[in-house]
């Protein structure tokens, strides 16, 4: 009996894609901490953000990075915003996520 019926079976095309993904190397990544909040990391810094709903349609976001060596935390003004819309908030967070992952 063939392996095609096995849900864990990967054909050659899927095996190749998995191999390629395993070889990708990014400078940073995002994960969840024990509390379930998103935390970004790269070789020098740990990143976090605080998002607050001001009203049903506007938000404030503050992003911080903490130096792993010194423990000093600074605000990342490029990824902070006040009274921004949901669309602008999503765009800002997407840019921040990519910046950490790409090491920029």
Protein backbone atom coordinates (compact mmCIF):
# COMPACT_ATOMS: atom_id res chain seq x y z
CA UNK A 1 0.00 0.00 0.00
CA UNK A 2 1.33 3.46 -0.93
CA UNK A 3 2.00 6.35 1.39
CA UNK A 4 -0.42 8.71 -0.41
CA UNK A 5 -3.22 7.98 2.10
CA UNK A 6 -0.95 8.86 5.04
CA UNK A 7 -1.62 12.48 6.14
CA UNK A 8 2.05 12.82 7.16
CA UNK A 9 3.37 11.71 3.75
CA UNK A 10 5.15 14.44 1.78
CA UNK A 11 5.72 13.98 -1.95
CA UNK A 12 9.01 15.08 -3.52
CA UNK A 13 7.73 18.58 -4.29
CA UNK A 14 6.69 19.18 -0.66
CA UNK A 15 9.90 17.65 0.66
CA UNK A 16 11.92 20.07 -1.51
CA UNK A 17 9.92 23.08 -0.29
CA UNK A 18 10.41 22.01 3.31
CA UNK A 19 14.16 21.63 2.74
CA UNK A 20 14.35 25.12 1.22
CA UNK A 21 12.43 26.62 4.15
CA UNK A 22 14.74 24.93 6.64
CA UNK A 23 17.76 26.52 4.97
CA UNK A 24 16.45 30.09 5.13
CA UNK A 25 18.30 32.17 7.66
CA UNK A 26 16.78 35.38 9.01
CA UNK A 27 18.52 37.74 11.47
CA UNK A 28 15.44 38.05 13.70
CA UNK A 29 12.20 36.33 14.65
CA UNK A 30 8.96 36.80 16.60
CA UNK A 31 7.61 34.45 19.24
CA UNK A 32 5.20 34.48 22.19
CA UNK A 33 6.31 34.74 25.81
CA UNK A 34 4.72 32.95 28.78
CA UNK A 35 1.94 35.55 28.94
CA UNK A 36 1.04 35.13 25.25
CA UNK A 37 2.40 38.49 24.12
CA UNK A 38 4.45 38.82 20.95
CA UNK A 39 8.18 39.33 21.49
CA UNK A 40 10.71 39.97 18.73
CA UNK A 41 14.37 39.09 18.93
CA UNK A 42 17.53 39.58 16.94
CA UNK A 43 21.18 39.23 17.90
CA UNK A 44 21.31 42.48 19.94
CA UNK A 45 17.77 43.39 20.98
CA UNK A 46 14.45 42.12 22.28
CA UNK A 47 11.39 43.96 20.93
CA UNK A 48 7.90 44.46 22.33
CA UNK A 49 4.97 46.73 21.71
CA UNK A 50 2.00 48.08 23.65
CA UNK A 51 -1.25 48.67 21.81
CA UNK A 52 -4.14 50.62 23.38
CA UNK A 53 -7.58 51.31 21.91
CA UNK A 54 -8.37 55.01 22.39
CA UNK A 55 -11.84 54.62 20.89
CA UNK A 56 -13.56 52.02 18.74
CA UNK A 57 -11.70 53.25 15.65
CA UNK A 58 -8.42 54.78 16.87
CA UNK A 59 -5.40 53.30 18.59
CA UNK A 60 -2.09 54.19 20.22
CA UNK A 61 0.95 51.97 19.81
CA UNK A 62 4.35 52.22 21.47
CA UNK A 63 7.24 49.98 20.45
CA UNK A 64 10.30 49.30 22.60
CA UNK A 65 13.61 47.53 22.17
CA UNK A 66 15.76 46.24 25.01
CA UNK A 67 19.49 45.79 24.64
CA UNK A 68 20.35 42.20 25.58
CA UNK A 69 23.79 43.13 26.96
CA UNK A 70 22.98 46.22 29.02
CA UNK A 71 19.27 45.70 29.70
CA UNK A 72 18.53 49.28 28.66
CA UNK A 73 15.12 49.73 27.04
CA UNK A 74 14.45 52.49 24.52
CA UNK A 75 11.39 53.57 22.58
CA UNK A 76 11.45 52.96 18.81
CA UNK A 77 9.79 56.13 17.55
CA UNK A 78 9.60 54.89 13.94
CA UNK A 79 7.06 52.29 15.07
CA UNK A 80 4.99 54.37 17.47
CA UNK A 81 1.73 56.13 16.73
CA UNK A 82 -1.05 58.06 18.45
CA UNK A 83 -4.69 58.18 17.39
CA UNK A 84 -4.13 56.05 14.30
CA UNK A 85 -6.78 54.01 12.48
CA UNK A 86 -7.01 50.24 12.52
CA UNK A 87 -5.61 50.10 8.97
CA UNK A 88 -2.65 52.32 9.88
CA UNK A 89 -2.05 50.22 13.02
CA UNK A 90 -1.96 47.01 10.97
CA UNK A 91 0.42 48.59 8.44
CA UNK A 92 2.71 49.89 11.19
CA UNK A 93 2.86 46.52 12.97
CA UNK A 94 3.51 44.71 9.67
CA UNK A 95 6.44 47.05 8.95
CA UNK A 96 7.80 46.53 12.47
CA UNK A 97 7.53 42.72 12.21
CA UNK A 98 9.39 42.72 8.88
CA UNK A 99 12.05 45.08 10.17
CA UNK A 100 12.88 42.75 13.08
CA UNK A 101 12.84 39.60 10.94
CA UNK A 102 14.96 41.17 8.18
CA UNK A 103 17.39 42.73 10.66
CA UNK A 104 16.72 46.27 9.70
